Amino acid sequence: MVSVDNTLDPLLKRPLSIHRWFGGDFQLLYRVAGKGTKILSRKKRDDVLDIIGPLGKGFRTGKSKGAIILIAGGLGIAPIFALADSLVKKKKTNPPTPEGRGRNVLLFYGARTKGEVLCTDELASIGIDPVVSTDDGSLGKKGTIVNVLEKHFAYKSSNVTDLLLYACGPEPMLHALSRLAKKHSLRGYVALEEKMACGLGTCLGCVVKTIKGYKRVCKEGPVFPIEDIVWENK
């Protein structure tokens, strides 16, 4: 949770995902969308910001026999990049499984248009060549990234139920992904994007309905098992 200025206007901190780690330092990725992020964009080196974090629950990297599939929509690439970087480093240090299967990391990245596709050079620097789609077809495949992923499943020769999904992006994308995961009996985790006021679980402004009742995105999340979210009632 980031205070964009040392004044009371705007009053509330902005919730931002950790994008990259550099030893003891970290990097945030954001888009200028309103007054708060516009103020933040004017900050210079040596300016001091009040930050509370890290908060909530992050991605849990469970075991899988097959590949790990990362899915990012728009600015959802921010935390997905950090996860990809971590997984690639683990893959380099861990030997293949006894069955001969390595934990390959595949990244599917969708955006509305070419100008909203970010971090491609940075992804290349860590050894990730993402499958990209845009709604208008200006870059990569045309259409939603979930549709692209479904076509990928259709061409796979192995059982896709071995795959493990991790995703962050707008709600329609995550909702569509949950249907696809259910169709193929896939396990996975999603990082939800919700408006937050306190970030500490006190104000209850970011609750979502799950199969286990209402949960706070800032406290019990933002990462939840994909099958736990009740999308239709959100």
C-alpha atoms as a PDB file:
ATOM      1  CA  MET A   1       0.000   0.000   0.000  1.00  0.00           C
ATOM      2  CA  VAL A   2       1.679   3.169  -1.279  1.00  0.00           C
ATOM      3  CA  SER A   3       1.059   6.750  -0.198  1.00  0.00           C
ATOM      4  CA  VAL A   4       1.572   8.813  -3.322  1.00  0.00           C
ATOM      5  CA  ASP A   5       2.312  12.013  -1.373  1.00  0.00           C
ATOM      6  CA  ASN A   6       2.884  13.270   2.165  1.00  0.00           C
ATOM      7  CA  THR A   7      -0.362  15.274   2.184  1.00  0.00           C
ATOM      8  CA  LEU A   8      -3.925  14.185   2.998  1.00  0.00           C
ATOM      9  CA  ASP A   9      -5.080  14.629  -0.591  1.00  0.00           C
ATOM     10  CA  PRO A  10      -5.398  11.952  -1.795  1.00  0.00           C
ATOM     11  CA  LEU A  11      -5.985  10.376   1.596  1.00  0.00           C
ATOM     12  CA  LEU A  12      -5.856   6.659   0.803  1.00  0.00           C
ATOM     13  CA  LYS A  13      -2.834   4.618  -0.181  1.00  0.00           C
ATOM     14  CA  ARG A  14      -2.775   2.858  -3.545  1.00  0.00           C
ATOM     15  CA  PRO A  15      -2.546  -0.966  -3.692  1.00  0.00           C
ATOM     16  CA  LEU A  16       0.281  -2.006  -6.025  1.00  0.00           C
ATOM     17  CA  SER A  17       1.744  -5.426  -6.728  1.00  0.00           C
ATOM     18  CA  ILE A  18       5.445  -6.101  -6.319  1.00  0.00           C
ATOM     19  CA  HIS A  19       6.794  -6.392  -9.840  1.00  0.00           C
ATOM     20  CA  ARG A  20      10.480  -7.276  -9.441  1.00  0.00           C
ATOM     21  CA  TRP A  21      12.972  -8.002  -6.660  1.00  0.00           C
ATOM     22  CA  PHE A  22      16.564  -6.755  -6.822  1.00  0.00           C
ATOM     23  CA  GLY A  23      18.256  -8.108  -3.732  1.00  0.00           C
ATOM     24  CA  GLY A  24      16.923  -5.874  -0.964  1.00  0.00           C
ATOM     25  CA  ASP A  25      15.171  -3.528  -3.398  1.00  0.00           C
ATOM     26  CA  PHE A  26      11.896  -3.947  -5.252  1.00  0.00           C
ATOM     27  CA  GLN A  27      10.120  -2.404  -8.217  1.00  0.00           C
ATOM     28  CA  LEU A  28       6.478  -1.442  -8.726  1.00  0.00           C
ATOM     29  CA  LEU A  29       4.659  -1.261 -12.047  1.00  0.00           C
ATOM     30  CA  TYR A  30       1.606   0.954 -12.522  1.00  0.00           C
ATOM     31  CA  ARG A  31      -0.350   2.880 -15.121  1.00  0.00           C
ATOM     32  CA  VAL A  32      -1.394   6.512 -14.672  1.00  0.00           C
ATOM     33  CA  ALA A  33      -5.156   6.182 -14.281  1.00  0.00           C
ATOM     34  CA  GLY A  34      -6.209   8.955 -11.905  1.00  0.00           C
ATOM     35  CA  LYS A  35      -5.075  11.657  -9.524  1.00  0.00           C
ATOM     36  CA  GLY A  36      -3.069   9.376  -7.235  1.00  0.00           C
ATOM     37  CA  THR A  37      -1.021   7.620  -9.901  1.00  0.00           C
ATOM     38  CA  LYS A  38      -0.485  10.929 -11.709  1.00  0.00           C
ATOM     39  CA  ILE A  39       1.108  12.342  -8.558  1.00  0.00           C
ATOM     40  CA  LEU A  40       3.162   9.177  -8.198  1.00  0.00           C
ATOM     41  CA  SER A  41       4.440   9.509 -11.768  1.00  0.00           C
ATOM     42  CA  ARG A  42       5.965  12.896 -10.882  1.00  0.00           C
ATOM     43  CA  LYS A  43       8.146  11.506  -8.110  1.00  0.00           C
ATOM     44  CA  LYS A  44      11.898  11.712  -8.551  1.00  0.00           C
ATOM     45  CA  ARG A  45      14.932   9.894  -7.250  1.00  0.00           C
ATOM     46  CA  ASP A  46      15.431  10.409  -3.496  1.00  0.00           C
ATOM     47  CA  ASP A  47      11.760  11.350  -2.927  1.00  0.00           C
ATOM     48  CA  VAL A  48      10.409   9.406   0.063  1.00  0.00           C
ATOM     49  CA  LEU A  49       7.114   7.493   0.019  1.00  0.00           C
ATOM     50  CA  ASP A  50       5.230   5.909   2.920  1.00  0.00           C
ATOM     51  CA  ILE A  51       4.698   2.230   2.091  1.00  0.00           C
ATOM     52  CA  ILE A  52       3.096  -0.584   4.096  1.00  0.00           C
ATOM     53  CA  GLY A  53       3.900  -4.117   2.985  1.00  0.00           C
ATOM     54  CA  PRO A  54       4.257  -6.746   1.796  1.00  0.00           C
ATOM     55  CA  LEU A  55       0.670  -7.605   2.717  1.00  0.00           C
ATOM     56  CA  GLY A  56      -1.726 -10.489   2.139  1.00  0.00           C
ATOM     57  CA  LYS A  57      -1.083 -13.951   0.720  1.00  0.00           C
ATOM     58  CA  GLY A  58       1.000 -14.494  -2.399  1.00  0.00           C
ATOM     59  CA  PHE A  59       1.252 -17.259  -4.981  1.00  0.00           C
ATOM     60  CA  ARG A  60       1.791 -20.771  -3.650  1.00  0.00           C
ATOM     61  CA  THR A  61       4.029 -22.738  -5.962  1.00  0.00           C
ATOM     62  CA  GLY A  62       2.635 -26.246  -5.630  1.00  0.00           C
ATOM     63  CA  LYS A  63       3.867 -29.396  -7.277  1.00  0.00           C
ATOM     64  CA  SER A  64       2.851 -30.296 -10.804  1.00  0.00           C
ATOM     65  CA  LYS A  65       3.859 -33.082 -13.194  1.00  0.00           C
ATOM     66  CA  GLY A  66       3.466 -30.902 -16.262  1.00  0.00           C
ATOM     67  CA  ALA A  67       4.192 -27.349 -17.252  1.00  0.00           C
ATOM     68  CA  ILE A  68       3.363 -24.283 -15.245  1.00  0.00           C
ATOM     69  CA  ILE A  69       1.093 -21.916 -17.163  1.00  0.00           C
ATOM     70  CA  LEU A  70       1.184 -18.213 -16.275  1.00  0.00           C
ATOM     71  CA  ILE A  71      -1.637 -16.008 -17.573  1.00  0.00           C
ATOM     72  CA  ALA A  72      -1.503 -12.217 -17.413  1.00  0.00           C
ATOM     73  CA  GLY A  73      -4.058  -9.679 -18.563  1.00  0.00           C
ATOM     74  CA  GLY A  74      -3.020  -6.036 -18.947  1.00  0.00           C
ATOM     75  CA  LEU A  75      -1.276  -4.778 -15.816  1.00  0.00           C
ATOM     76  CA  GLY A  76      -1.694  -8.235 -14.336  1.00  0.00           C
ATOM     77  CA  ILE A  77       1.771  -8.765 -15.807  1.00  0.00           C
ATOM     78  CA  ALA A  78       3.186  -6.948 -12.746  1.00  0.00           C
ATOM     79  CA  PRO A  79       2.974  -9.814 -10.206  1.00  0.00           C
ATOM     80  CA  ILE A  80       3.077 -12.501 -12.905  1.00  0.00           C
ATOM     81  CA  PHE A  81       6.509 -11.237 -13.948  1.00  0.00           C
ATOM     82  CA  ALA A  82       7.817 -11.579 -10.382  1.00  0.00           C
ATOM     83  CA  LEU A  83       6.419 -15.121 -10.234  1.00  0.00           C
ATOM     84  CA  ALA A  84       7.902 -16.023 -13.631  1.00  0.00           C
ATOM     85  CA  ASP A  85      11.314 -14.768 -12.558  1.00  0.00           C
ATOM     86  CA  SER A  86      11.148 -16.855  -9.375  1.00  0.00           C
ATOM     87  CA  LEU A  87      10.015 -20.006 -11.192  1.00  0.00           C
ATOM     88  CA  VAL A  88      12.688 -19.713 -13.874  1.00  0.00           C
ATOM     89  CA  LYS A  89      15.382 -19.401 -11.203  1.00  0.00           C
ATOM     90  CA  LYS A  90      14.010 -22.486  -9.419  1.00  0.00           C
ATOM     91  CA  LYS A  91      13.966 -24.428 -12.675  1.00  0.00           C
ATOM     92  CA  LYS A  92      17.648 -23.637 -13.242  1.00  0.00           C
ATOM     93  CA  THR A  93      18.626 -24.866  -9.781  1.00  0.00           C
ATOM     94  CA  ASN A  94      16.333 -27.935  -9.567  1.00  0.00           C
ATOM     95  CA  PRO A  95      16.930 -31.144 -11.592  1.00  0.00           C
ATOM     96  CA  PRO A  96      14.216 -32.650 -13.826  1.00  0.00           C
ATOM     97  CA  THR A  97      11.681 -35.001 -12.281  1.00  0.00           C
ATOM     98  CA  PRO A  98      12.317 -38.792 -12.328  1.00  0.00           C
ATOM     99  CA  GLU A  99       9.840 -39.042 -15.204  1.00  0.00           C
ATOM    100  CA  GLY A 100      12.098 -36.747 -17.212  1.00  0.00           C
ATOM    101  CA  ARG A 101       9.670 -33.848 -17.136  1.00  0.00           C
ATOM    102  CA  GLY A 102      11.036 -30.443 -16.329  1.00  0.00           C
ATOM    103  CA  ARG A 103       8.831 -27.789 -14.821  1.00  0.00           C
ATOM    104  CA  ASN A 104       8.553 -25.725 -18.005  1.00  0.00           C
ATOM    105  CA  VAL A 105       7.191 -22.219 -17.517  1.00  0.00           C
ATOM    106  CA  LEU A 106       4.893 -20.891 -20.249  1.00  0.00           C
ATOM    107  CA  LEU A 107       3.473 -17.380 -20.180  1.00  0.00           C
ATOM    108  CA  PHE A 108       0.283 -16.263 -21.961  1.00  0.00           C
ATOM    109  CA  TYR A 109      -0.152 -12.490 -22.011  1.00  0.00           C
ATOM    110  CA  GLY A 110      -3.214 -10.629 -23.257  1.00  0.00           C
ATOM    111  CA  ALA A 111      -4.031  -6.944 -23.619  1.00  0.00           C
ATOM    112  CA  ARG A 112      -6.514  -4.760 -25.433  1.00  0.00           C
ATOM    113  CA  THR A 113      -3.997  -3.331 -27.873  1.00  0.00           C
ATOM    114  CA  LYS A 114      -0.280  -3.310 -28.744  1.00  0.00           C
ATOM    115  CA  GLY A 115       0.469  -0.246 -26.616  1.00  0.00           C
ATOM    116  CA  GLU A 116      -0.681  -2.053 -23.466  1.00  0.00           C
ATOM    117  CA  VAL A 117       1.719  -4.984 -23.842  1.00  0.00           C
ATOM    118  CA  LEU A 118       4.542  -4.336 -21.384  1.00  0.00           C
ATOM    119  CA  CYS A 119       7.831  -5.866 -20.241  1.00  0.00           C
ATOM    120  CA  THR A 120       8.533  -8.003 -23.299  1.00  0.00           C
ATOM    121  CA  ASP A 121      12.248  -7.121 -23.233  1.00  0.00           C
ATOM    122  CA  GLU A 122      12.421  -7.846 -19.505  1.00  0.00           C
ATOM    123  CA  LEU A 123      10.684 -11.195 -20.033  1.00  0.00           C
ATOM    124  CA  ALA A 124      13.195 -12.073 -22.736  1.00  0.00           C
ATOM    125  CA  SER A 125      16.034 -11.230 -20.339  1.00  0.00           C
ATOM    126  CA  ILE A 126      14.866 -13.970 -17.944  1.00  0.00           C
ATOM    127  CA  GLY A 127      14.298 -16.504 -20.714  1.00  0.00           C
ATOM    128  CA  ILE A 128      10.540 -16.153 -21.190  1.00  0.00           C
ATOM    129  CA  ASP A 129       9.049 -15.849 -24.687  1.00  0.00           C
ATOM    130  CA  PRO A 130       5.377 -15.084 -24.016  1.00  0.00           C
ATOM    131  CA  VAL A 131       2.440 -16.030 -26.189  1.00  0.00           C
ATOM    132  CA  VAL A 132       0.815 -12.625 -26.763  1.00  0.00           C
ATOM    133  CA  SER A 133      -2.693 -11.743 -27.871  1.00  0.00           C
ATOM    134  CA  THR A 134      -4.504  -8.439 -28.305  1.00  0.00           C
ATOM    135  CA  ASP A 135      -8.210  -7.808 -28.639  1.00  0.00           C
ATOM    136  CA  ASP A 136      -7.688  -5.754 -31.808  1.00  0.00           C
ATOM    137  CA  GLY A 137      -5.000  -7.992 -33.319  1.00  0.00           C
ATOM    138  CA  SER A 138      -2.378  -5.214 -33.322  1.00  0.00           C
ATOM    139  CA  LEU A 139       0.193  -7.552 -31.744  1.00  0.00           C
ATOM    140  CA  GLY A 140       0.385 -11.314 -31.537  1.00  0.00           C
ATOM    141  CA  LYS A 141      -2.740 -13.392 -31.930  1.00  0.00           C
ATOM    142  CA  LYS A 142      -6.122 -11.693 -32.200  1.00  0.00           C
ATOM    143  CA  GLY A 143      -8.631 -12.372 -29.442  1.00  0.00           C
ATOM    144  CA  THR A 144      -8.661 -12.930 -25.714  1.00  0.00           C
ATOM    145  CA  ILE A 145      -5.758 -14.705 -24.091  1.00  0.00           C
ATOM    146  CA  VAL A 146      -8.086 -17.302 -22.539  1.00  0.00           C
ATOM    147  CA  ASN A 147      -9.324 -18.274 -26.022  1.00  0.00           C
ATOM    148  CA  VAL A 148      -5.700 -18.527 -27.161  1.00  0.00           C
ATOM    149  CA  LEU A 149      -4.926 -20.734 -24.166  1.00  0.00           C
ATOM    150  CA  GLU A 150      -7.920 -22.973 -24.929  1.00  0.00           C
ATOM    151  CA  LYS A 151      -6.652 -23.476 -28.482  1.00  0.00           C
ATOM    152  CA  HIS A 152      -3.250 -24.338 -27.037  1.00  0.00           C
ATOM    153  CA  PHE A 153      -4.879 -27.042 -24.914  1.00  0.00           C
ATOM    154  CA  ALA A 154      -6.642 -28.429 -27.993  1.00  0.00           C
ATOM    155  CA  TYR A 155      -3.298 -28.993 -29.754  1.00  0.00           C
ATOM    156  CA  LYS A 156      -1.512 -30.518 -26.764  1.00  0.00           C
ATOM    157  CA  SER A 157      -0.786 -34.214 -27.075  1.00  0.00           C
ATOM    158  CA  SER A 158      -0.339 -34.801 -23.327  1.00  0.00           C
ATOM    159  CA  ASN A 159      -2.996 -34.664 -20.650  1.00  0.00           C
ATOM    160  CA  VAL A 160      -3.607 -31.015 -19.753  1.00  0.00           C
ATOM    161  CA  THR A 161      -4.797 -31.991 -16.277  1.00  0.00           C
ATOM    162  CA  ASP A 162      -1.101 -32.151 -15.318  1.00  0.00           C
ATOM    163  CA  LEU A 163      -0.785 -28.390 -15.773  1.00  0.00           C
ATOM    164  CA  LEU A 164      -0.822 -25.809 -12.991  1.00  0.00           C
ATOM    165  CA  LEU A 165      -2.236 -22.312 -13.646  1.00  0.00           C
ATOM    166  CA  TYR A 166      -1.302 -18.952 -12.133  1.00  0.00           C
ATOM    167  CA  ALA A 167      -3.105 -15.811 -13.274  1.00  0.00           C
ATOM    168  CA  CYS A 168      -3.644 -12.121 -12.658  1.00  0.00           C
ATOM    169  CA  GLY A 169      -5.766  -9.752 -14.694  1.00  0.00           C
ATOM    170  CA  PRO A 170      -9.201  -8.171 -15.012  1.00  0.00           C
ATOM    171  CA  GLU A 171     -12.199 -10.026 -13.628  1.00  0.00           C
ATOM    172  CA  PRO A 172     -13.729 -11.064 -17.001  1.00  0.00           C
ATOM    173  CA  MET A 173     -10.451 -12.762 -17.909  1.00  0.00           C
ATOM    174  CA  LEU A 174     -10.197 -14.590 -14.595  1.00  0.00           C
ATOM    175  CA  HIS A 175     -13.850 -15.619 -14.763  1.00  0.00           C
ATOM    176  CA  ALA A 176     -13.348 -17.078 -18.247  1.00  0.00           C
ATOM    177  CA  LEU A 177     -10.182 -18.805 -17.076  1.00  0.00           C
ATOM    178  CA  SER A 178     -12.034 -20.401 -14.155  1.00  0.00           C
ATOM    179  CA  ARG A 179     -14.536 -21.924 -16.583  1.00  0.00           C
ATOM    180  CA  LEU A 180     -11.693 -23.271 -18.702  1.00  0.00           C
ATOM    181  CA  ALA A 181      -9.965 -24.689 -15.621  1.00  0.00           C
ATOM    182  CA  LYS A 182     -13.168 -26.409 -14.523  1.00  0.00           C
ATOM    183  CA  LYS A 183     -13.682 -27.860 -17.999  1.00  0.00           C
ATOM    184  CA  HIS A 184     -10.236 -29.479 -17.953  1.00  0.00           C
ATOM    185  CA  SER A 185     -10.101 -30.243 -14.199  1.00  0.00           C
ATOM    186  CA  LEU A 186      -7.100 -27.945 -13.756  1.00  0.00           C
ATOM    187  CA  ARG A 187      -5.670 -26.655 -10.511  1.00  0.00           C
ATOM    188  CA  GLY A 188      -4.544 -23.064 -10.237  1.00  0.00           C
ATOM    189  CA  TYR A 189      -4.358 -19.773  -8.389  1.00  0.00           C
ATOM    190  CA  VAL A 190      -5.610 -16.308  -9.270  1.00  0.00           C
ATOM    191  CA  ALA A 191      -4.542 -12.920  -7.937  1.00  0.00           C
ATOM    192  CA  LEU A 192      -7.595 -10.679  -7.734  1.00  0.00           C
ATOM    193  CA  GLU A 193      -7.638  -6.982  -8.585  1.00  0.00           C
ATOM    194  CA  GLU A 194      -9.928  -5.195  -6.130  1.00  0.00           C
ATOM    195  CA  LYS A 195     -10.156  -1.639  -4.837  1.00  0.00           C
ATOM    196  CA  MET A 196      -8.637  -1.415  -1.364  1.00  0.00           C
ATOM    197  CA  ALA A 197      -8.785   1.292   1.271  1.00  0.00           C
ATOM    198  CA  CYS A 198      -6.730   0.065   4.235  1.00  0.00           C
ATOM    199  CA  GLY A 199      -4.929  -3.016   2.927  1.00  0.00           C
ATOM    200  CA  LEU A 200      -4.951  -4.494   6.423  1.00  0.00           C
ATOM    201  CA  GLY A 201      -8.327  -6.251   6.513  1.00  0.00           C
ATOM    202  CA  THR A 202     -10.009  -3.678   8.741  1.00  0.00           C
ATOM    203  CA  CYS A 203     -12.336  -1.727   6.454  1.00  0.00           C
ATOM    204  CA  LEU A 204     -13.838  -4.782   4.671  1.00  0.00           C
ATOM    205  CA  GLY A 205     -13.954  -2.814   1.438  1.00  0.00           C
ATOM    206  CA  CYS A 206     -12.404  -5.510  -0.726  1.00  0.00           C
ATOM    207  CA  VAL A 207     -14.365  -8.631   0.223  1.00  0.00           C
ATOM    208  CA  VAL A 208     -15.206 -11.264  -2.385  1.00  0.00           C
ATOM    209  CA  LYS A 209     -17.515 -14.242  -2.175  1.00  0.00           C
ATOM    210  CA  THR A 210     -15.872 -17.653  -2.109  1.00  0.00           C
ATOM    211  CA  ILE A 211     -17.122 -21.188  -1.557  1.00  0.00           C
ATOM    212  CA  LYS A 212     -15.856 -20.759   2.024  1.00  0.00           C
ATOM    213  CA  GLY A 213     -17.745 -17.505   2.624  1.00  0.00           C
ATOM    214  CA  TYR A 214     -16.693 -13.901   2.151  1.00  0.00           C
ATOM    215  CA  LYS A 215     -12.941 -13.280   2.198  1.00  0.00           C
ATOM    216  CA  ARG A 216     -10.864 -10.106   2.293  1.00  0.00           C
ATOM    217  CA  VAL A 217      -8.697  -9.735  -0.808  1.00  0.00           C
ATOM    218  CA  CYS A 218      -6.081  -7.726   1.096  1.00  0.00           C
ATOM    219  CA  LYS A 219      -5.820 -10.203   3.975  1.00  0.00           C
ATOM    220  CA  GLU A 220      -6.827 -13.729   2.879  1.00  0.00           C
ATOM    221  CA  GLY A 221      -5.806 -12.872  -0.691  1.00  0.00           C
ATOM    222  CA  PRO A 222      -5.091 -11.405  -3.118  1.00  0.00           C
ATOM    223  CA  VAL A 223      -4.210 -14.923  -4.298  1.00  0.00           C
ATOM    224  CA  PHE A 224      -6.909 -17.594  -4.033  1.00  0.00           C
ATOM    225  CA  PRO A 225      -7.341 -21.101  -5.459  1.00  0.00           C
ATOM    226  CA  ILE A 226      -9.127 -20.601  -8.755  1.00  0.00           C
ATOM    227  CA  GLU A 227     -11.936 -22.975  -7.797  1.00  0.00           C
ATOM    228  CA  ASP A 228     -12.727 -21.048  -4.586  1.00  0.00           C
ATOM    229  CA  ILE A 229     -14.092 -17.840  -6.149  1.00  0.00           C
ATOM    230  CA  VAL A 230     -17.845 -17.493  -6.716  1.00  0.00           C
ATOM    231  CA  TRP A 231     -17.684 -15.367  -9.843  1.00  0.00           C
ATOM    232  CA  GLU A 232     -21.364 -15.153 -10.733  1.00  0.00           C
ATOM    233  CA  ASN A 233     -22.262 -13.291  -7.539  1.00  0.00           C
ATOM    234  CA  LYS A 234     -19.407 -10.778  -7.572  1.00  0.00           C
END
